[in-house]
Amino acid sequence: MIDTRTSPTPAFVPADYKARFKVPCAPDDELSDSHHQEWYAGTGIRPADHPLAGHIWFSGCGACGSDDVLVIAAQWCVSWHSGDAYWDYEIACNACGTFTRRSFCEND
């Protein structure tokens, strides 16, 4: 099941992400945690160019449907116990300015 939520501000990264990050996409140690999740964050990268594009089903804006979006945060992992895949990502829409975050849990 994919859970989709939209908001006027980002949720996975700070509101000042464009100033805080210096590159479009890079591993982020602050977001990564002990659950073996490797997060990427940055100023934004096209979904097709993201390092996790082969693992995550990126899609367009949850508010307006535009595909003119940039991924500003994403993580993908597989549970060691169950073998189930999990991912989360957040996109910024260049068309309407809305932020969309999606989460997926293979066992739902």
C-alpha atoms as a PDB file:
ATOM      1  CA  MET A   1       0.000   0.000   0.000  1.00  0.00           C
ATOM      2  CA  ILE A   2       1.246   3.477  -0.822  1.00  0.00           C
ATOM      3  CA  ASP A   3       0.345   6.256   1.600  1.00  0.00           C
ATOM      4  CA  THR A   4       0.320   9.729  -0.001  1.00  0.00           C
ATOM      5  CA  ARG A   5       0.189  13.038   1.868  1.00  0.00           C
ATOM      6  CA  THR A   6       0.559  16.599   0.597  1.00  0.00           C
ATOM      7  CA  SER A   7       1.452  19.781   2.445  1.00  0.00           C
ATOM      8  CA  PRO A   8       2.563  23.369   1.798  1.00  0.00           C
ATOM      9  CA  THR A   9       5.889  22.692   3.563  1.00  0.00           C
ATOM     10  CA  PRO A  10       8.310  19.759   3.463  1.00  0.00           C
ATOM     11  CA  ALA A  11       8.092  17.094   6.174  1.00  0.00           C
ATOM     12  CA  PHE A  12      11.224  14.950   5.714  1.00  0.00           C
ATOM     13  CA  VAL A  13      13.673  17.830   5.345  1.00  0.00           C
ATOM     14  CA  PRO A  14      13.823  21.294   6.933  1.00  0.00           C
ATOM     15  CA  ALA A  15      11.894  24.128   5.284  1.00  0.00           C
ATOM     16  CA  ASP A  16      15.226  25.756   4.394  1.00  0.00           C
ATOM     17  CA  TYR A  17      16.406  22.665   2.476  1.00  0.00           C
ATOM     18  CA  LYS A  18      17.358  24.710  -0.613  1.00  0.00           C
ATOM     19  CA  ALA A  19      19.807  26.756   1.460  1.00  0.00           C
ATOM     20  CA  ARG A  20      20.904  23.926   3.754  1.00  0.00           C
ATOM     21  CA  PHE A  21      21.828  21.421   1.048  1.00  0.00           C
ATOM     22  CA  LYS A  22      24.509  22.188  -1.516  1.00  0.00           C
ATOM     23  CA  VAL A  23      23.834  19.391  -4.026  1.00  0.00           C
ATOM     24  CA  PRO A  24      20.713  17.987  -5.702  1.00  0.00           C
ATOM     25  CA  CYS A  25      21.010  14.567  -4.027  1.00  0.00           C
ATOM     26  CA  ALA A  26      23.459  12.969  -1.584  1.00  0.00           C
ATOM     27  CA  PRO A  27      23.423  10.400   1.247  1.00  0.00           C
ATOM     28  CA  ASP A  28      22.197  12.084   4.439  1.00  0.00           C
ATOM     29  CA  ASP A  29      23.601  10.775   7.728  1.00  0.00           C
ATOM     30  CA  GLU A  30      21.210  12.892   9.806  1.00  0.00           C
ATOM     31  CA  LEU A  31      18.140  11.212   8.319  1.00  0.00           C
ATOM     32  CA  SER A  32      19.628   7.699   8.203  1.00  0.00           C
ATOM     33  CA  ASP A  33      19.042   5.645  11.308  1.00  0.00           C
ATOM     34  CA  SER A  34      19.824   2.362  13.024  1.00  0.00           C
ATOM     35  CA  HIS A  35      17.123   0.514  11.049  1.00  0.00           C
ATOM     36  CA  HIS A  36      19.500   0.230   8.090  1.00  0.00           C
ATOM     37  CA  GLN A  37      17.724   2.935   6.126  1.00  0.00           C
ATOM     38  CA  GLU A  38      19.901   4.937   3.800  1.00  0.00           C
ATOM     39  CA  TRP A  39      18.404   8.351   3.175  1.00  0.00           C
ATOM     40  CA  TYR A  40      19.246  10.690   0.332  1.00  0.00           C
ATOM     41  CA  ALA A  41      18.401  14.378   0.538  1.00  0.00           C
ATOM     42  CA  GLY A  42      19.226  17.539  -1.349  1.00  0.00           C
ATOM     43  CA  THR A  43      17.982  20.545  -3.272  1.00  0.00           C
ATOM     44  CA  GLY A  44      16.100  18.235  -5.645  1.00  0.00           C
ATOM     45  CA  ILE A  45      16.724  15.765  -8.441  1.00  0.00           C
ATOM     46  CA  ARG A  46      14.458  14.469 -11.194  1.00  0.00           C
ATOM     47  CA  PRO A  47      12.922  11.105 -10.193  1.00  0.00           C
ATOM     48  CA  ALA A  48      14.465   9.256 -13.169  1.00  0.00           C
ATOM     49  CA  ASP A  49      17.936  10.464 -12.141  1.00  0.00           C
ATOM     50  CA  HIS A  50      17.639   9.538  -8.463  1.00  0.00           C
ATOM     51  CA  PRO A  51      20.003   6.773  -7.199  1.00  0.00           C
ATOM     52  CA  LEU A  52      16.975   4.843  -5.881  1.00  0.00           C
ATOM     53  CA  ALA A  53      14.961   5.039  -9.113  1.00  0.00           C
ATOM     54  CA  GLY A  54      15.297   1.267  -9.568  1.00  0.00           C
ATOM     55  CA  HIS A  55      13.776   0.593  -6.137  1.00  0.00           C
ATOM     56  CA  ILE A  56      11.120   3.276  -5.638  1.00  0.00           C
ATOM     57  CA  TRP A  57       7.987   3.879  -7.707  1.00  0.00           C
ATOM     58  CA  PHE A  58       8.302   7.649  -7.985  1.00  0.00           C
ATOM     59  CA  SER A  59       5.254   9.479  -9.297  1.00  0.00           C
ATOM     60  CA  GLY A  60       4.047  13.040  -9.769  1.00  0.00           C
ATOM     61  CA  CYS A  61       2.555  15.685  -7.528  1.00  0.00           C
ATOM     62  CA  GLY A  62      -0.192  14.482  -5.217  1.00  0.00           C
ATOM     63  CA  ALA A  63      -1.942  17.862  -5.383  1.00  0.00           C
ATOM     64  CA  CYS A  64      -1.987  18.858  -9.069  1.00  0.00           C
ATOM     65  CA  GLY A  65      -0.756  15.685 -10.821  1.00  0.00           C
ATOM     66  CA  SER A  66       2.194  17.385 -12.507  1.00  0.00           C
ATOM     67  CA  ASP A  67       5.274  15.334 -13.360  1.00  0.00           C
ATOM     68  CA  ASP A  68       7.420  18.482 -13.074  1.00  0.00           C
ATOM     69  CA  VAL A  69       8.741  17.451  -9.665  1.00  0.00           C
ATOM     70  CA  LEU A  70      12.065  17.086  -7.859  1.00  0.00           C
ATOM     71  CA  VAL A  71      12.843  14.435  -5.241  1.00  0.00           C
ATOM     72  CA  ILE A  72      14.175  16.223  -2.145  1.00  0.00           C
ATOM     73  CA  ALA A  73      14.342  13.198   0.210  1.00  0.00           C
ATOM     74  CA  ALA A  74      14.116   9.430  -0.256  1.00  0.00           C
ATOM     75  CA  GLN A  75      14.999   6.162   1.466  1.00  0.00           C
ATOM     76  CA  TRP A  76      14.648   2.502   0.600  1.00  0.00           C
ATOM     77  CA  CYS A  77      15.384  -0.579   2.687  1.00  0.00           C
ATOM     78  CA  VAL A  78      14.582  -4.261   3.060  1.00  0.00           C
ATOM     79  CA  SER A  79      13.755  -5.762   6.443  1.00  0.00           C
ATOM     80  CA  TRP A  80      16.322  -8.314   7.546  1.00  0.00           C
ATOM     81  CA  HIS A  81      13.611 -10.228   9.384  1.00  0.00           C
ATOM     82  CA  SER A  82      10.820 -10.410   6.816  1.00  0.00           C
ATOM     83  CA  GLY A  83      12.496  -9.564   3.516  1.00  0.00           C
ATOM     84  CA  ASP A  84       9.820  -6.913   2.894  1.00  0.00           C
ATOM     85  CA  ALA A  85      10.752  -3.687   1.118  1.00  0.00           C
ATOM     86  CA  TYR A  86       9.983  -0.265   2.576  1.00  0.00           C
ATOM     87  CA  TRP A  87      10.466   3.184   1.102  1.00  0.00           C
ATOM     88  CA  ASP A  88       9.615   6.815   1.696  1.00  0.00           C
ATOM     89  CA  TYR A  89      10.173   9.862  -0.441  1.00  0.00           C
ATOM     90  CA  GLU A  90       9.221  13.505  -0.706  1.00  0.00           C
ATOM     91  CA  ILE A  91       8.934  15.595  -3.846  1.00  0.00           C
ATOM     92  CA  ALA A  92       8.656  19.315  -4.449  1.00  0.00           C
ATOM     93  CA  CYS A  93       6.328  20.283  -7.291  1.00  0.00           C
ATOM     94  CA  ASN A  94       7.643  22.957  -9.637  1.00  0.00           C
ATOM     95  CA  ALA A  95       4.132  23.531 -11.041  1.00  0.00           C
ATOM     96  CA  CYS A  96       2.115  24.259  -7.885  1.00  0.00           C
ATOM     97  CA  GLY A  97       4.730  24.454  -5.097  1.00  0.00           C
ATOM     98  CA  THR A  98       3.171  21.645  -3.039  1.00  0.00           C
ATOM     99  CA  PHE A  99       5.207  18.965  -1.286  1.00  0.00           C
ATOM    100  CA  THR A 100       4.109  15.347  -1.608  1.00  0.00           C
ATOM    101  CA  ARG A 101       5.424  12.519   0.544  1.00  0.00           C
ATOM    102  CA  ARG A 102       4.762   8.890  -0.126  1.00  0.00           C
ATOM    103  CA  SER A 103       5.477   5.785   1.935  1.00  0.00           C
ATOM    104  CA  PHE A 104       5.317   2.143   0.911  1.00  0.00           C
ATOM    105  CA  CYS A 105       5.340  -1.005   3.026  1.00  0.00           C
ATOM    106  CA  GLU A 106       5.435  -4.277   1.102  1.00  0.00           C
ATOM    107  CA  ASN A 107       3.601  -6.238   3.797  1.00  0.00           C
ATOM    108  CA  ASP A 108       0.514  -3.974   3.866  1.00  0.00           C
END
